[in-house]
């Protein structure tokens, strides 16, 4: 197999690096990305502004990891 000519570079970090992320999913237009986190929350980020737009399940009584978003 030949060496790849594709170069990858880090552009941005979304969210808190101390909270584990179990899954991610882009929306249909690739404007938002949803991240299922280890604390049970689902965080929605705007890819263009690199800011968090929404948070779901932020205050669960018994936090369980979100392992799938669709």
N, C-alpha and C. Protein backbone atom coordinates (compact mmCIF):
# COMPACT_ATOMS: atom_id res chain seq x y z
N UNK A 1 0.84 -1.17 0.00
CA UNK A 1 0.00 0.00 0.00
C UNK A 1 0.89 1.24 0.00
N UNK A 2 0.60 2.19 -0.86
CA UNK A 2 1.39 3.41 -0.97
C UNK A 2 1.06 4.38 0.16
N UNK A 3 1.98 5.27 0.44
CA UNK A 3 1.73 6.31 1.43
C UNK A 3 0.65 7.25 0.94
N UNK A 4 -0.20 7.65 1.83
CA UNK A 4 -1.30 8.54 1.48
C UNK A 4 -0.80 9.97 1.31
N UNK A 5 -1.37 10.68 0.36
CA UNK A 5 -1.04 12.08 0.14
C UNK A 5 -1.96 13.00 0.93
N UNK A 6 -2.96 12.43 1.62
CA UNK A 6 -3.93 13.22 2.38
C UNK A 6 -3.27 13.72 3.66
N UNK A 7 -3.37 15.01 3.88
CA UNK A 7 -2.82 15.60 5.10
C UNK A 7 -3.98 15.98 6.01
N UNK A 8 -3.85 15.63 7.27
CA UNK A 8 -4.89 15.91 8.26
C UNK A 8 -4.32 16.88 9.27
N UNK A 9 -5.11 17.90 9.62
CA UNK A 9 -4.67 18.85 10.63
C UNK A 9 -5.82 19.16 11.58
N UNK A 10 -5.46 19.42 12.82
CA UNK A 10 -6.44 19.76 13.85
C UNK A 10 -6.96 21.17 13.61
N UNK A 11 -8.29 21.32 13.57
CA UNK A 11 -8.87 22.65 13.34
C UNK A 11 -9.48 23.23 14.59
N UNK A 12 -10.17 22.40 15.38
CA UNK A 12 -10.84 22.92 16.57
C UNK A 12 -11.15 21.80 17.54
N UNK A 13 -11.30 22.16 18.81
CA UNK A 13 -11.73 21.24 19.84
C UNK A 13 -13.09 21.71 20.31
N UNK A 14 -14.06 20.82 20.25
CA UNK A 14 -15.41 21.16 20.67
C UNK A 14 -15.68 20.53 22.03
N UNK A 15 -16.11 21.32 22.97
CA UNK A 15 -16.53 20.79 24.26
C UNK A 15 -15.42 20.70 25.29
N UNK A 16 -15.76 19.98 26.35
CA UNK A 16 -14.90 19.81 27.50
C UNK A 16 -14.07 18.54 27.32
N UNK A 17 -12.78 18.65 27.34
CA UNK A 17 -11.93 17.48 27.14
C UNK A 17 -11.91 16.55 28.36
N UNK A 18 -12.47 16.99 29.49
CA UNK A 18 -12.51 16.17 30.70
C UNK A 18 -13.74 15.27 30.75
N UNK A 19 -14.73 15.51 29.91
CA UNK A 19 -15.92 14.67 29.85
C UNK A 19 -15.78 13.74 28.66
N UNK A 20 -15.80 12.41 28.89
CA UNK A 20 -15.63 11.49 27.76
C UNK A 20 -16.79 11.56 26.77
N UNK A 21 -16.48 11.46 25.50
CA UNK A 21 -17.48 11.44 24.43
C UNK A 21 -17.54 10.02 23.88
N UNK A 22 -18.76 9.46 23.86
CA UNK A 22 -18.95 8.08 23.42
C UNK A 22 -19.39 7.96 21.97
N UNK A 23 -20.03 9.01 21.45
CA UNK A 23 -20.51 8.94 20.07
C UNK A 23 -20.74 10.35 19.54
N UNK A 24 -20.68 10.50 18.23
CA UNK A 24 -20.96 11.78 17.58
C UNK A 24 -21.81 11.53 16.34
N UNK A 25 -22.54 12.56 15.93
CA UNK A 25 -23.36 12.46 14.73
C UNK A 25 -23.56 13.86 14.14
N UNK A 26 -23.25 14.01 12.85
CA UNK A 26 -23.48 15.28 12.16
C UNK A 26 -24.93 15.37 11.71
N UNK A 27 -25.45 16.60 11.62
CA UNK A 27 -26.78 16.79 11.06
C UNK A 27 -26.72 16.70 9.53
N UNK A 28 -27.87 16.75 8.89
CA UNK A 28 -27.97 16.56 7.44
C UNK A 28 -27.15 17.58 6.66
N UNK A 29 -27.08 18.82 7.15
CA UNK A 29 -26.36 19.89 6.44
C UNK A 29 -24.94 20.11 6.94
N UNK A 30 -24.47 19.27 7.85
CA UNK A 30 -23.12 19.39 8.43
C UNK A 30 -22.86 20.71 9.13
N UNK A 31 -23.92 21.33 9.68
CA UNK A 31 -23.76 22.56 10.44
C UNK A 31 -23.58 22.27 11.93
N UNK A 32 -24.24 21.23 12.42
CA UNK A 32 -24.18 20.88 13.83
C UNK A 32 -23.63 19.47 14.00
N UNK A 33 -23.02 19.26 15.15
CA UNK A 33 -22.57 17.92 15.52
C UNK A 33 -23.08 17.65 16.94
N UNK A 34 -23.66 16.48 17.13
CA UNK A 34 -24.15 16.07 18.44
C UNK A 34 -23.14 15.11 19.05
N UNK A 35 -22.86 15.31 20.32
CA UNK A 35 -21.91 14.45 21.03
C UNK A 35 -22.61 13.82 22.23
N UNK A 36 -22.64 12.50 22.27
CA UNK A 36 -23.18 11.77 23.42
C UNK A 36 -22.07 11.60 24.44
N UNK A 37 -22.27 12.11 25.64
CA UNK A 37 -21.20 12.19 26.64
C UNK A 37 -21.36 11.17 27.76
N UNK A 38 -20.29 10.96 28.49
CA UNK A 38 -20.27 10.00 29.58
C UNK A 38 -21.12 10.39 30.77
N UNK A 39 -21.46 11.67 30.90
CA UNK A 39 -22.31 12.10 32.01
C UNK A 39 -23.79 12.04 31.64
N UNK A 40 -24.13 11.47 30.48
CA UNK A 40 -25.51 11.33 30.04
C UNK A 40 -26.02 12.48 29.21
N UNK A 41 -25.27 13.55 29.14
CA UNK A 41 -25.72 14.71 28.36
C UNK A 41 -25.47 14.50 26.87
N UNK A 42 -26.25 15.21 26.08
CA UNK A 42 -26.05 15.28 24.64
C UNK A 42 -25.79 16.74 24.33
N UNK A 43 -24.61 17.02 23.84
CA UNK A 43 -24.22 18.41 23.57
C UNK A 43 -24.20 18.63 22.06
N UNK A 44 -24.86 19.71 21.65
CA UNK A 44 -24.96 20.06 20.23
C UNK A 44 -24.06 21.27 19.99
N UNK A 45 -23.14 21.12 19.04
CA UNK A 45 -22.20 22.20 18.72
C UNK A 45 -22.40 22.68 17.30
N UNK A 46 -22.24 24.00 17.12
CA UNK A 46 -22.23 24.59 15.80
C UNK A 46 -20.80 24.47 15.27
N UNK A 47 -20.63 23.76 14.18
CA UNK A 47 -19.30 23.48 13.64
C UNK A 47 -18.62 24.76 13.14
N UNK A 48 -19.40 25.69 12.61
CA UNK A 48 -18.82 26.91 12.03
C UNK A 48 -18.35 27.90 13.09
N UNK A 49 -19.09 28.01 14.20
CA UNK A 49 -18.71 28.96 15.25
C UNK A 49 -17.89 28.29 16.37
N UNK A 50 -17.84 26.96 16.39
CA UNK A 50 -17.13 26.18 17.42
C UNK A 50 -17.71 26.39 18.81
N UNK A 51 -18.98 26.76 18.89
CA UNK A 51 -19.62 27.00 20.18
C UNK A 51 -20.75 26.00 20.42
N UNK A 52 -21.01 25.73 21.69
CA UNK A 52 -22.11 24.85 22.06
C UNK A 52 -23.42 25.58 21.85
N UNK A 53 -24.34 24.96 21.11
CA UNK A 53 -25.63 25.58 20.83
C UNK A 53 -26.72 25.09 21.77
N UNK A 54 -26.70 23.81 22.12
CA UNK A 54 -27.73 23.20 22.96
C UNK A 54 -27.11 22.15 23.85
N UNK A 55 -27.80 21.85 24.96
CA UNK A 55 -27.42 20.72 25.80
C UNK A 55 -28.70 20.03 26.27
N UNK A 56 -28.73 18.72 26.14
CA UNK A 56 -29.88 17.91 26.53
C UNK A 56 -29.47 16.98 27.67
N UNK A 57 -30.39 16.66 28.56
CA UNK A 57 -30.15 15.74 29.69
C UNK A 57 -29.00 16.21 30.58
N UNK A 58 -28.92 17.50 30.83
CA UNK A 58 -27.80 18.04 31.59
C UNK A 58 -27.84 17.66 33.07
N UNK A 59 -29.02 17.54 33.65
CA UNK A 59 -29.14 17.30 35.09
C UNK A 59 -29.85 15.99 35.39
N UNK A 60 -29.26 14.89 34.98
CA UNK A 60 -29.86 13.59 35.26
C UNK A 60 -29.63 13.22 36.72
N UNK A 61 -30.64 12.60 37.36
CA UNK A 61 -30.49 12.15 38.74
C UNK A 61 -29.40 11.09 38.85
N UNK A 62 -29.49 10.10 37.97
CA UNK A 62 -28.48 9.03 37.94
C UNK A 62 -27.84 9.08 36.56
N UNK A 63 -26.70 9.74 36.42
CA UNK A 63 -26.08 9.87 35.09
C UNK A 63 -25.67 8.52 34.51
N UNK A 64 -26.09 8.28 33.29
CA UNK A 64 -25.70 7.09 32.53
C UNK A 64 -25.16 7.59 31.22
N UNK A 65 -24.10 7.00 30.69
CA UNK A 65 -23.50 7.47 29.45
C UNK A 65 -24.47 7.38 28.28
N UNK A 66 -24.41 8.36 27.40
CA UNK A 66 -25.15 8.32 26.14
C UNK A 66 -24.22 7.66 25.12
N UNK A 67 -24.61 6.50 24.64
CA UNK A 67 -23.73 5.72 23.78
C UNK A 67 -24.14 5.73 22.31
N UNK A 68 -25.26 6.41 21.99
CA UNK A 68 -25.70 6.46 20.59
C UNK A 68 -26.58 7.68 20.37
N UNK A 69 -26.32 8.43 19.34
CA UNK A 69 -27.19 9.54 18.93
C UNK A 69 -27.48 9.37 17.45
N UNK A 70 -28.69 9.73 17.07
CA UNK A 70 -29.09 9.56 15.68
C UNK A 70 -29.91 10.74 15.26
